[in-house]
Every structure is written in C-alpha cells, then in structure tokens.
Amino acid sequence: SANYVVGSATFESMTLISWVTLLDYGARAGSALTLDTVSTDKF
C-alpha cells in the first residue's frame, strides 16, 4: 500500500495500468492495482 501525500486532487476520469504476472489460476478476488479513498471507502 501507499498513501497519497501531496495536498488534494479531484479526478473526473482516471486510468489504472499494471504490469502483472499470474502464478496460479486459483487466484481469487485480488487486485493488480486499486485506487481507494479512506474517508468515503470509494475505490
């Protein structure tokens, strides 16, 4: 995890990009990349 540290920002549009290697087809419900907001639990 990593926390946002510089001021504040409001986004209308966003892109998430992750380079990912899957090691097991049994993987379930994990995220290659998530942007979450703590106070409103929006992600």
PDB file of all heavy atoms in Angstrom:
ATOM      1  N   SER A   1       0.837  -1.197   0.000  1.00  0.00           N
ATOM      2  CA  SER A   1       0.000   0.000   0.000  1.00  0.00           C
ATOM      3  C   SER A   1       0.871   1.245   0.000  1.00  0.00           C
ATOM      4  O   SER A   1       2.034   1.216   0.407  1.00  0.00           O
ATOM      5  CB  SER A   1      -0.929   0.020   1.223  1.00  0.00           C
ATOM      6  OG  SER A   1      -0.173   0.143   2.422  1.00  0.00           O
ATOM      7  N   ALA A   2       0.290   2.340  -0.467  1.00  0.00           N
ATOM      8  CA  ALA A   2       0.969   3.636  -0.451  1.00  0.00           C
ATOM      9  C   ALA A   2      -0.074   4.727  -0.294  1.00  0.00           C
ATOM     10  O   ALA A   2      -1.119   4.692  -0.949  1.00  0.00           O
ATOM     11  CB  ALA A   2       1.779   3.849  -1.728  1.00  0.00           C
ATOM     12  N   ASN A   3       0.195   5.702   0.565  1.00  0.00           N
ATOM     13  CA  ASN A   3      -0.739   6.785   0.851  1.00  0.00           C
ATOM     14  C   ASN A   3      -0.449   8.015  -0.010  1.00  0.00           C
ATOM     15  O   ASN A   3       0.714   8.332  -0.296  1.00  0.00           O
ATOM     16  CB  ASN A   3      -0.661   7.190   2.322  1.00  0.00           C
ATOM     17  CG  ASN A   3      -1.179   6.117   3.250  1.00  0.00           C
ATOM     18  OD1 ASN A   3      -2.253   5.578   3.044  1.00  0.00           O
ATOM     19  ND2 ASN A   3      -0.398   5.784   4.261  1.00  0.00           N
ATOM     20  N   TYR A   4      -1.513   8.711  -0.403  1.00  0.00           N
ATOM     21  CA  TYR A   4      -1.373   9.988  -1.101  1.00  0.00           C
ATOM     22  C   TYR A   4      -0.822  11.011  -0.120  1.00  0.00           C
ATOM     23  O   TYR A   4      -1.308  11.118   1.015  1.00  0.00           O
ATOM     24  CB  TYR A   4      -2.741  10.427  -1.628  1.00  0.00           C
ATOM     25  CG  TYR A   4      -2.708  11.562  -2.614  1.00  0.00           C
ATOM     26  CD1 TYR A   4      -2.281  11.347  -3.925  1.00  0.00           C
ATOM     27  CD2 TYR A   4      -3.113  12.839  -2.261  1.00  0.00           C
ATOM     28  CE1 TYR A   4      -2.254  12.375  -4.852  1.00  0.00           C
ATOM     29  CE2 TYR A   4      -3.093  13.879  -3.186  1.00  0.00           C
ATOM     30  CZ  TYR A   4      -2.663  13.646  -4.471  1.00  0.00           C
ATOM     31  OH  TYR A   4      -2.636  14.669  -5.379  1.00  0.00           O
ATOM     32  N   VAL A   5       0.191  11.783  -0.519  1.00  0.00           N
ATOM     33  CA  VAL A   5       0.869  12.660   0.437  1.00  0.00           C
ATOM     34  C   VAL A   5       0.902  14.128   0.024  1.00  0.00           C
ATOM     35  O   VAL A   5       1.302  14.974   0.818  1.00  0.00           O
ATOM     36  CB  VAL A   5       2.323  12.184   0.683  1.00  0.00           C
ATOM     37  CG1 VAL A   5       2.328  10.822   1.360  1.00  0.00           C
ATOM     38  CG2 VAL A   5       3.133  12.157  -0.605  1.00  0.00           C
ATOM     39  N   VAL A   6       0.518  14.462  -1.205  1.00  0.00           N
ATOM     40  CA  VAL A   6       0.651  15.832  -1.692  1.00  0.00           C
ATOM     41  C   VAL A   6      -0.714  16.483  -1.840  1.00  0.00           C
ATOM     42  O   VAL A   6      -1.452  16.190  -2.781  1.00  0.00           O
ATOM     43  CB  VAL A   6       1.405  15.880  -3.040  1.00  0.00           C
ATOM     44  CG1 VAL A   6       1.495  17.308  -3.548  1.00  0.00           C
ATOM     45  CG2 VAL A   6       2.792  15.288  -2.891  1.00  0.00           C
ATOM     46  N   GLY A   7      -1.083  17.342  -0.875  1.00  0.00           N
ATOM     47  CA  GLY A   7      -2.288  18.148  -0.991  1.00  0.00           C
ATOM     48  C   GLY A   7      -3.546  17.348  -1.249  1.00  0.00           C
ATOM     49  O   GLY A   7      -3.788  16.318  -0.647  1.00  0.00           O
ATOM     50  N   SER A   8      -4.364  17.854  -2.186  1.00  0.00           N
ATOM     51  CA  SER A   8      -5.619  17.202  -2.533  1.00  0.00           C
ATOM     52  C   SER A   8      -5.791  17.246  -4.043  1.00  0.00           C
ATOM     53  O   SER A   8      -5.269  18.121  -4.714  1.00  0.00           O
ATOM     54  CB  SER A   8      -6.795  17.899  -1.855  1.00  0.00           C
ATOM     55  OG  SER A   8      -8.018  17.304  -2.215  1.00  0.00           O
ATOM     56  N   ALA A   9      -6.520  16.288  -4.581  1.00  0.00           N
ATOM     57  CA  ALA A   9      -6.800  16.266  -6.017  1.00  0.00           C
ATOM     58  C   ALA A   9      -8.169  15.653  -6.241  1.00  0.00           C
ATOM     59  O   ALA A   9      -8.580  14.752  -5.529  1.00  0.00           O
ATOM     60  CB  ALA A   9      -5.736  15.481  -6.768  1.00  0.00           C
ATOM     61  N   THR A  10      -8.885  16.182  -7.235  1.00  0.00           N
ATOM     62  CA  THR A  10     -10.203  15.674  -7.586  1.00  0.00           C
ATOM     63  C   THR A  10     -10.169  15.229  -9.039  1.00  0.00           C
ATOM     64  O   THR A  10      -9.794  15.998  -9.911  1.00  0.00           O
ATOM     65  CB  THR A  10     -11.277  16.754  -7.395  1.00  0.00           C
ATOM     66  OG1 THR A  10     -11.246  17.222  -6.048  1.00  0.00           O
ATOM     67  CG2 THR A  10     -12.662  16.189  -7.697  1.00  0.00           C
ATOM     68  N   PHE A  11     -10.569  13.987  -9.277  1.00  0.00           N
ATOM     69  CA  PHE A  11     -10.475  13.405 -10.600  1.00  0.00           C
ATOM     70  C   PHE A  11     -11.850  13.157 -11.195  1.00  0.00           C
ATOM     71  O   PHE A  11     -12.731  12.632 -10.546  1.00  0.00           O
ATOM     72  CB  PHE A  11      -9.736  12.060 -10.555  1.00  0.00           C
ATOM     73  CG  PHE A  11      -8.363  12.146  -9.948  1.00  0.00           C
ATOM     74  CD1 PHE A  11      -7.905  11.142  -9.122  1.00  0.00           C
ATOM     75  CD2 PHE A  11      -7.542  13.227 -10.189  1.00  0.00           C
ATOM     76  CE1 PHE A  11      -6.646  11.204  -8.564  1.00  0.00           C
ATOM     77  CE2 PHE A  11      -6.281  13.310  -9.637  1.00  0.00           C
ATOM     78  CZ  PHE A  11      -5.829  12.299  -8.829  1.00  0.00           C
ATOM     79  N   GLU A  12     -11.997  13.536 -12.461  1.00  0.00           N
ATOM     80  CA  GLU A  12     -13.200  13.197 -13.205  1.00  0.00           C
ATOM     81  C   GLU A  12     -13.014  11.912 -14.000  1.00  0.00           C
ATOM     82  O   GLU A  12     -13.972  11.193 -14.244  1.00  0.00           O
ATOM     83  CB  GLU A  12     -13.564  14.339 -14.158  1.00  0.00           C
ATOM     84  CG  GLU A  12     -14.112  15.573 -13.457  1.00  0.00           C
ATOM     85  CD  GLU A  12     -14.681  16.561 -14.449  1.00  0.00           C
ATOM     86  OE1 GLU A  12     -14.236  16.551 -15.610  1.00  0.00           O
ATOM     87  OE2 GLU A  12     -15.572  17.334 -14.074  1.00  0.00           O
ATOM     88  N   SER A  13     -11.804  11.663 -14.452  1.00  0.00           N
ATOM     89  CA  SER A  13     -11.502  10.473 -15.238  1.00  0.00           C
ATOM     90  C   SER A  13     -10.187   9.903 -14.742  1.00  0.00           C
ATOM     91  O   SER A  13      -9.346  10.638 -14.232  1.00  0.00           O
ATOM     92  CB  SER A  13     -11.390  10.813 -16.724  1.00  0.00           C
ATOM     93  OG  SER A  13     -12.588  11.399 -17.211  1.00  0.00           O
ATOM     94  N   MET A  14     -10.006   8.595 -14.893  1.00  0.00           N
ATOM     95  CA  MET A  14      -8.750   8.005 -14.449  1.00  0.00           C
ATOM     96  C   MET A  14      -8.425   6.770 -15.266  1.00  0.00           C
ATOM     97  O   MET A  14      -9.301   6.150 -15.890  1.00  0.00           O
ATOM     98  CB  MET A  14      -8.795   7.651 -12.967  1.00  0.00           C
ATOM     99  CG  MET A  14      -9.681   6.464 -12.614  1.00  0.00           C
ATOM    100  SD  MET A  14      -9.530   5.997 -10.858  1.00  0.00           S
ATOM    101  CE  MET A  14     -10.250   7.429 -10.071  1.00  0.00           C
ATOM    102  N   THR A  15      -7.139   6.438 -15.274  1.00  0.00           N
ATOM    103  CA  THR A  15      -6.649   5.226 -15.895  1.00  0.00           C
ATOM    104  C   THR A  15      -5.783   4.476 -14.894  1.00  0.00           C
ATOM    105  O   THR A  15      -4.919   5.076 -14.263  1.00  0.00           O
ATOM    106  CB  THR A  15      -5.807   5.542 -17.145  1.00  0.00           C
ATOM    107  OG1 THR A  15      -6.630   6.204 -18.102  1.00  0.00           O
ATOM    108  CG2 THR A  15      -5.243   4.270 -17.763  1.00  0.00           C
ATOM    109  N   LEU A  16      -6.021   3.197 -14.743  1.00  0.00           N
ATOM    110  CA  LEU A  16      -5.199   2.327 -13.925  1.00  0.00           C
ATOM    111  C   LEU A  16      -4.435   1.388 -14.854  1.00  0.00           C
ATOM    112  O   LEU A  16      -5.044   0.746 -15.719  1.00  0.00           O
ATOM    113  CB  LEU A  16      -6.047   1.487 -12.970  1.00  0.00           C
ATOM    114  CG  LEU A  16      -7.048   2.213 -12.062  1.00  0.00           C
ATOM    115  CD1 LEU A  16      -7.847   1.190 -11.259  1.00  0.00           C
ATOM    116  CD2 LEU A  16      -6.337   3.170 -11.136  1.00  0.00           C
ATOM    117  N   ILE A  17      -3.121   1.302 -14.694  1.00  0.00           N
ATOM    118  CA  ILE A  17      -2.309   0.413 -15.516  1.00  0.00           C
ATOM    119  C   ILE A  17      -1.382  -0.383 -14.605  1.00  0.00           C
ATOM    120  O   ILE A  17      -0.706   0.181 -13.747  1.00  0.00           O
ATOM    121  CB  ILE A  17      -1.462   1.185 -16.546  1.00  0.00           C
ATOM    122  CG1 ILE A  17      -2.345   2.079 -17.422  1.00  0.00           C
ATOM    123  CG2 ILE A  17      -0.666   0.216 -17.415  1.00  0.00           C
ATOM    124  CD1 ILE A  17      -1.554   2.925 -18.398  1.00  0.00           C
ATOM    125  N   SER A  18      -1.333  -1.689 -14.816  1.00  0.00           N
ATOM    126  CA  SER A  18      -0.450  -2.544 -14.033  1.00  0.00           C
ATOM    127  C   SER A  18       0.116  -3.638 -14.928  1.00  0.00           C
ATOM    128  O   SER A  18      -0.611  -4.238 -15.716  1.00  0.00           O
ATOM    129  CB  SER A  18      -1.214  -3.174 -12.864  1.00  0.00           C
ATOM    130  OG  SER A  18      -0.357  -3.984 -12.081  1.00  0.00           O
ATOM    131  N   TRP A  19       1.424  -3.862 -14.799  1.00  0.00           N
ATOM    132  CA  TRP A  19       2.063  -4.988 -15.472  1.00  0.00           C
ATOM    133  C   TRP A  19       2.065  -6.137 -14.472  1.00  0.00           C
ATOM    134  O   TRP A  19       2.670  -6.044 -13.396  1.00  0.00           O
ATOM    135  CB  TRP A  19       3.485  -4.630 -15.884  1.00  0.00           C
ATOM    136  CG  TRP A  19       3.556  -3.762 -17.109  1.00  0.00           C
ATOM    137  CD1 TRP A  19       3.888  -4.140 -18.373  1.00  0.00           C
ATOM    138  CD2 TRP A  19       3.293  -2.352 -17.192  1.00  0.00           C
ATOM    139  NE1 TRP A  19       3.842  -3.067 -19.240  1.00  0.00           N
ATOM    140  CE2 TRP A  19       3.486  -1.962 -18.540  1.00  0.00           C
ATOM    141  CE3 TRP A  19       2.909  -1.381 -16.259  1.00  0.00           C
ATOM    142  CZ2 TRP A  19       3.315  -0.638 -18.964  1.00  0.00           C
ATOM    143  CZ3 TRP A  19       2.735  -0.079 -16.678  1.00  0.00           C
ATOM    144  CH2 TRP A  19       2.930   0.278 -18.023  1.00  0.00           C
ATOM    145  N   VAL A  20       1.392  -7.224 -14.801  1.00  0.00           N
ATOM    146  CA  VAL A  20       1.135  -8.267 -13.810  1.00  0.00           C
ATOM    147  C   VAL A  20       1.445  -9.643 -14.385  1.00  0.00           C
ATOM    148  O   VAL A  20       1.213  -9.903 -15.567  1.00  0.00           O
ATOM    149  CB  VAL A  20      -0.334  -8.189 -13.321  1.00  0.00           C
ATOM    150  CG1 VAL A  20      -1.304  -8.336 -14.481  1.00  0.00           C
ATOM    151  CG2 VAL A  20      -0.623  -9.215 -12.247  1.00  0.00           C
ATOM    152  N   THR A  21       1.989 -10.516 -13.527  1.00  0.00           N
ATOM    153  CA  THR A  21       2.252 -11.908 -13.877  1.00  0.00           C
ATOM    154  C   THR A  21       1.439 -12.806 -12.964  1.00  0.00           C
ATOM    155  O   THR A  21       1.570 -12.723 -11.739  1.00  0.00           O
ATOM    156  CB  THR A  21       3.748 -12.247 -13.721  1.00  0.00           C
ATOM    157  OG1 THR A  21       4.515 -11.382 -14.561  1.00  0.00           O
ATOM    158  CG2 THR A  21       4.021 -13.696 -14.107  1.00  0.00           C
ATOM    159  N   LEU A  22       0.583 -13.627 -13.534  1.00  0.00           N
ATOM    160  CA  LEU A  22      -0.244 -14.541 -12.758  1.00  0.00           C
ATOM    161  C   LEU A  22       0.511 -15.855 -12.562  1.00  0.00           C
ATOM    162  O   LEU A  22       0.984 -16.457 -13.517  1.00  0.00           O
ATOM    163  CB  LEU A  22      -1.563 -14.802 -13.487  1.00  0.00           C
ATOM    164  CG  LEU A  22      -2.585 -15.684 -12.753  1.00  0.00           C
ATOM    165  CD1 LEU A  22      -3.101 -14.973 -11.508  1.00  0.00           C
ATOM    166  CD2 LEU A  22      -3.735 -16.030 -13.681  1.00  0.00           C
ATOM    167  N   LEU A  23       0.621 -16.294 -11.308  1.00  0.00           N
ATOM    168  CA  LEU A  23       1.375 -17.504 -10.989  1.00  0.00           C
ATOM    169  C   LEU A  23       0.490 -18.712 -10.738  1.00  0.00           C
ATOM    170  O   LEU A  23       0.975 -19.842 -10.741  1.00  0.00           O
ATOM    171  CB  LEU A  23       2.257 -17.250  -9.754  1.00  0.00           C
ATOM    172  CG  LEU A  23       3.240 -16.086  -9.865  1.00  0.00           C
ATOM    173  CD1 LEU A  23       4.023 -15.942  -8.573  1.00  0.00           C
ATOM    174  CD2 LEU A  23       4.174 -16.266 -11.046  1.00  0.00           C
ATOM    175  N   ASP A  24      -0.821 -18.484 -10.515  1.00  0.00           N
ATOM    176  CA  ASP A  24      -1.693 -19.590 -10.119  1.00  0.00           C
ATOM    177  C   ASP A  24      -3.116 -19.269 -10.549  1.00  0.00           C
ATOM    178  O   ASP A  24      -3.644 -18.207 -10.220  1.00  0.00           O
ATOM    179  CB  ASP A  24      -1.621 -19.772  -8.597  1.00  0.00           C
ATOM    180  CG  ASP A  24      -2.436 -20.948  -8.087  1.00  0.00           C
ATOM    181  OD1 ASP A  24      -3.164 -21.571  -8.890  1.00  0.00           O
ATOM    182  OD2 ASP A  24      -2.365 -21.231  -6.882  1.00  0.00           O
ATOM    183  N   TYR A  25      -3.770 -20.174 -11.262  1.00  0.00           N
ATOM    184  CA  TYR A  25      -5.150 -19.952 -11.685  1.00  0.00           C
ATOM    185  C   TYR A  25      -6.122 -19.959 -10.504  1.00  0.00           C
ATOM    186  O   TYR A  25      -7.281 -19.589 -10.645  1.00  0.00           O
ATOM    187  CB  TYR A  25      -5.577 -21.001 -12.707  1.00  0.00           C
ATOM    188  CG  TYR A  25      -5.038 -20.759 -14.092  1.00  0.00           C
ATOM    189  CD1 TYR A  25      -4.409 -21.767 -14.808  1.00  0.00           C
ATOM    190  CD2 TYR A  25      -5.182 -19.512 -14.691  1.00  0.00           C
ATOM    191  CE1 TYR A  25      -3.923 -21.548 -16.085  1.00  0.00           C
ATOM    192  CE2 TYR A  25      -4.687 -19.284 -15.965  1.00  0.00           C
ATOM    193  CZ  TYR A  25      -4.060 -20.294 -16.649  1.00  0.00           C
ATOM    194  OH  TYR A  25      -3.575 -20.058 -17.916  1.00  0.00           O
ATOM    195  N   GLY A  26      -5.670 -20.398  -9.335  1.00  0.00           N
ATOM    196  CA  GLY A  26      -6.522 -20.360  -8.158  1.00  0.00           C
ATOM    197  C   GLY A  26      -6.638 -18.989  -7.535  1.00  0.00           C
ATOM    198  O   GLY A  26      -7.378 -18.808  -6.568  1.00  0.00           O
ATOM    199  N   ALA A  27      -5.934 -18.005  -8.062  1.00  0.00           N
ATOM    200  CA  ALA A  27      -6.014 -16.641  -7.525  1.00  0.00           C
ATOM    201  C   ALA A  27      -7.448 -16.139  -7.611  1.00  0.00           C
ATOM    202  O   ALA A  27      -8.092 -16.234  -8.652  1.00  0.00           O
ATOM    203  CB  ALA A  27      -5.080 -15.725  -8.312  1.00  0.00           C
ATOM    204  N   ARG A  28      -7.947 -15.587  -6.518  1.00  0.00           N
ATOM    205  CA  ARG A  28      -9.332 -15.112  -6.488  1.00  0.00           C
ATOM    206  C   ARG A  28      -9.414 -13.749  -5.814  1.00  0.00           C
ATOM    207  O   ARG A  28      -8.879 -13.545  -4.726  1.00  0.00           O
ATOM    208  CB  ARG A  28     -10.248 -16.080  -5.721  1.00  0.00           C
ATOM    209  CG  ARG A  28     -10.452 -17.429  -6.379  1.00  0.00           C
ATOM    210  CD  ARG A  28     -11.081 -17.325  -7.766  1.00  0.00           C
ATOM    211  NE  ARG A  28     -12.358 -16.667  -7.789  1.00  0.00           N
ATOM    212  CZ  ARG A  28     -13.542 -17.296  -7.731  1.00  0.00           C
ATOM    213  NH1 ARG A  28     -13.568 -18.608  -7.627  1.00  0.00           N
ATOM    214  NH2 ARG A  28     -14.655 -16.616  -7.808  1.00  0.00           N
ATOM    215  N   ALA A  29     -10.068 -12.821  -6.491  1.00  0.00           N
ATOM    216  CA  ALA A  29     -10.505 -11.543  -5.918  1.00  0.00           C
ATOM    217  C   ALA A  29      -9.363 -10.638  -5.485  1.00  0.00           C
ATOM    218  O   ALA A  29      -9.566  -9.728  -4.696  1.00  0.00           O
ATOM    219  CB  ALA A  29     -11.448 -11.783  -4.738  1.00  0.00           C
ATOM    220  N   GLY A  30      -8.165 -10.871  -6.010  1.00  0.00           N
ATOM    221  CA  GLY A  30      -7.059  -9.975  -5.711  1.00  0.00           C
ATOM    222  C   GLY A  30      -6.971  -8.866  -6.748  1.00  0.00           C
ATOM    223  O   GLY A  30      -7.469  -9.003  -7.870  1.00  0.00           O
ATOM    224  N   SER A  31      -6.326  -7.773  -6.385  1.00  0.00           N
ATOM    225  CA  SER A  31      -6.241  -6.621  -7.276  1.00  0.00           C
ATOM    226  C   SER A  31      -4.815  -6.408  -7.773  1.00  0.00           C
ATOM    227  O   SER A  31      -3.859  -6.434  -6.999  1.00  0.00           O
ATOM    228  CB  SER A  31      -6.713  -5.354  -6.548  1.00  0.00           C
ATOM    229  OG  SER A  31      -6.537  -4.219  -7.380  1.00  0.00           O
ATOM    230  N   ALA A  32      -4.697  -6.171  -9.080  1.00  0.00           N
ATOM    231  CA  ALA A  32      -3.415  -5.785  -9.654  1.00  0.00           C
ATOM    232  C   ALA A  32      -3.117  -4.323  -9.376  1.00  0.00           C
ATOM    233  O   ALA A  32      -1.962  -3.911  -9.397  1.00  0.00           O
ATOM    234  CB  ALA A  32      -3.416  -6.040 -11.161  1.00  0.00           C
ATOM    235  N   LEU A  33      -4.138  -3.520  -9.117  1.00  0.00           N
ATOM    236  CA  LEU A  33      -3.973  -2.112  -8.745  1.00  0.00           C
ATOM    237  C   LEU A  33      -5.326  -1.556  -8.323  1.00  0.00           C
ATOM    238  O   LEU A  33      -6.311  -1.708  -9.035  1.00  0.00           O
ATOM    239  CB  LEU A  33      -3.423  -1.290  -9.921  1.00  0.00           C
ATOM    240  CG  LEU A  33      -3.324   0.223  -9.726  1.00  0.00           C
ATOM    241  CD1 LEU A  33      -2.448   0.569  -8.534  1.00  0.00           C
ATOM    242  CD2 LEU A  33      -2.792   0.886 -10.989  1.00  0.00           C
ATOM    243  N   THR A  34      -5.355  -0.920  -7.152  1.00  0.00           N
ATOM    244  CA  THR A  34      -6.568  -0.276  -6.644  1.00  0.00           C
ATOM    245  C   THR A  34      -6.254   1.151  -6.229  1.00  0.00           C
ATOM    246  O   THR A  34      -5.233   1.405  -5.585  1.00  0.00           O
ATOM    247  CB  THR A  34      -7.106  -1.017  -5.405  1.00  0.00           C
ATOM    248  OG1 THR A  34      -7.518  -2.326  -5.770  1.00  0.00           O
ATOM    249  CG2 THR A  34      -8.308  -0.284  -4.792  1.00  0.00           C
ATOM    250  N   LEU A  35      -7.130   2.097  -6.597  1.00  0.00           N
ATOM    251  CA  LEU A  35      -7.119   3.433  -6.001  1.00  0.00           C
ATOM    252  C   LEU A  35      -8.314   3.519  -5.075  1.00  0.00           C
ATOM    253  O   LEU A  35      -9.457   3.396  -5.506  1.00  0.00           O
ATOM    254  CB  LEU A  35      -7.187   4.536  -7.057  1.00  0.00           C
ATOM    255  CG  LEU A  35      -7.292   5.951  -6.469  1.00  0.00           C
ATOM    256  CD1 LEU A  35      -6.044   6.298  -5.683  1.00  0.00           C
ATOM    257  CD2 LEU A  35      -7.536   6.983  -7.561  1.00  0.00           C
ATOM    258  N   ASP A  36      -8.056   3.725  -3.787  1.00  0.00           N
ATOM    259  CA  ASP A  36      -9.088   3.752  -2.748  1.00  0.00           C
ATOM    260  C   ASP A  36      -9.064   5.116  -2.071  1.00  0.00           C
ATOM    261  O   ASP A  36      -8.038   5.799  -2.064  1.00  0.00           O
ATOM    262  CB  ASP A  36      -8.780   2.655  -1.722  1.00  0.00           C
ATOM    263  CG  ASP A  36      -9.991   2.221  -0.910  1.00  0.00           C
ATOM    264  OD1 ASP A  36     -11.037   2.880  -1.000  1.00  0.00           O
ATOM    265  OD2 ASP A  36      -9.869   1.226  -0.194  1.00  0.00           O
ATOM    266  N   THR A  37     -10.190   5.537  -1.534  1.00  0.00           N
ATOM    267  CA  THR A  37     -10.236   6.728  -0.686  1.00  0.00           C
ATOM    268  C   THR A  37     -10.755   6.318   0.681  1.00  0.00           C
ATOM    269  O   THR A  37     -11.829   5.726   0.798  1.00  0.00           O
ATOM    270  CB  THR A  37     -11.135   7.829  -1.290  1.00  0.00           C
ATOM    271  OG1 THR A  37     -12.414   7.290  -1.590  1.00  0.00           O
ATOM    272  CG2 THR A  37     -10.530   8.372  -2.569  1.00  0.00           C
ATOM    273  N   VAL A  38      -9.987   6.626   1.701  1.00  0.00           N
ATOM    274  CA  VAL A  38     -10.236   6.084   3.028  1.00  0.00           C
ATOM    275  C   VAL A  38     -11.515   6.618   3.649  1.00  0.00           C
ATOM    276  O   VAL A  38     -12.338   5.871   4.168  1.00  0.00           O
ATOM    277  CB  VAL A  38      -9.032   6.374   3.954  1.00  0.00           C
ATOM    278  CG1 VAL A  38      -9.317   5.905   5.368  1.00  0.00           C
ATOM    279  CG2 VAL A  38      -7.785   5.690   3.414  1.00  0.00           C
ATOM    280  N   SER A  39     -11.726   7.933   3.602  1.00  0.00           N
ATOM    281  CA  SER A  39     -12.839   8.529   4.339  1.00  0.00           C
ATOM    282  C   SER A  39     -14.196   8.121   3.783  1.00  0.00           C
ATOM    283  O   SER A  39     -15.177   8.025   4.532  1.00  0.00           O
ATOM    284  CB  SER A  39     -12.711  10.059   4.339  1.00  0.00           C
ATOM    285  OG  SER A  39     -12.761  10.557   3.013  1.00  0.00           O
ATOM    286  N   THR A  40     -14.281   7.876   2.479  1.00  0.00           N
ATOM    287  CA  THR A  40     -15.561   7.523   1.871  1.00  0.00           C
ATOM    288  C   THR A  40     -15.616   6.070   1.420  1.00  0.00           C
ATOM    289  O   THR A  40     -16.634   5.623   0.914  1.00  0.00           O
ATOM    290  CB  THR A  40     -15.844   8.429   0.658  1.00  0.00           C
ATOM    291  OG1 THR A  40     -14.773   8.275  -0.294  1.00  0.00           O
ATOM    292  CG2 THR A  40     -15.934   9.882   1.079  1.00  0.00           C
ATOM    293  N   ASP A  41     -14.519   5.329   1.562  1.00  0.00           N
ATOM    294  CA  ASP A  41     -14.441   3.933   1.138  1.00  0.00           C
ATOM    295  C   ASP A  41     -14.923   3.785  -0.306  1.00  0.00           C
ATOM    296  O   ASP A  41     -15.774   2.963  -0.632  1.00  0.00           O
ATOM    297  CB  ASP A  41     -15.241   3.027   2.072  1.00  0.00           C
ATOM    298  CG  ASP A  41     -14.916   1.553   1.830  1.00  0.00           C
ATOM    299  OD1 ASP A  41     -13.764   1.274   1.482  1.00  0.00           O
ATOM    300  OD2 ASP A  41     -15.810   0.708   1.976  1.00  0.00           O
ATOM    301  N   LYS A  42     -14.352   4.604  -1.178  1.00  0.00           N
ATOM    302  CA  LYS A  42     -14.674   4.596  -2.601  1.00  0.00           C
ATOM    303  C   LYS A  42     -13.441   4.112  -3.351  1.00  0.00           C
ATOM    304  O   LYS A  42     -12.340   4.589  -3.095  1.00  0.00           O
ATOM    305  CB  LYS A  42     -15.049   6.002  -3.045  1.00  0.00           C
ATOM    306  CG  LYS A  42     -15.493   6.148  -4.484  1.00  0.00           C
ATOM    307  CD  LYS A  42     -15.630   7.621  -4.831  1.00  0.00           C
ATOM    308  CE  LYS A  42     -16.580   8.336  -3.870  1.00  0.00           C
ATOM    309  NZ  LYS A  42     -16.693   9.778  -4.213  1.00  0.00           N
ATOM    310  N   PHE A  43     -13.605   3.148  -4.275  1.00  0.00           N
ATOM    311  CA  PHE A  43     -12.415   2.637  -4.948  1.00  0.00           C
ATOM    312  C   PHE A  43     -12.724   2.134  -6.348  1.00  0.00           C
ATOM    313  O   PHE A  43     -13.850   1.766  -6.668  1.00  0.00           O
ATOM    314  CB  PHE A  43     -11.757   1.520  -4.120  1.00  0.00           C
ATOM    315  CG  PHE A  43     -12.526   0.224  -4.078  1.00  0.00           C
ATOM    316  CD1 PHE A  43     -12.212  -0.823  -4.945  1.00  0.00           C
ATOM    317  CD2 PHE A  43     -13.567   0.037  -3.177  1.00  0.00           C
ATOM    318  CE1 PHE A  43     -12.909  -2.019  -4.901  1.00  0.00           C
ATOM    319  CE2 PHE A  43     -14.269  -1.154  -3.123  1.00  0.00           C
ATOM    320  CZ  PHE A  43     -13.945  -2.185  -3.988  1.00  0.00           C
TER     321      PHE A  43
END
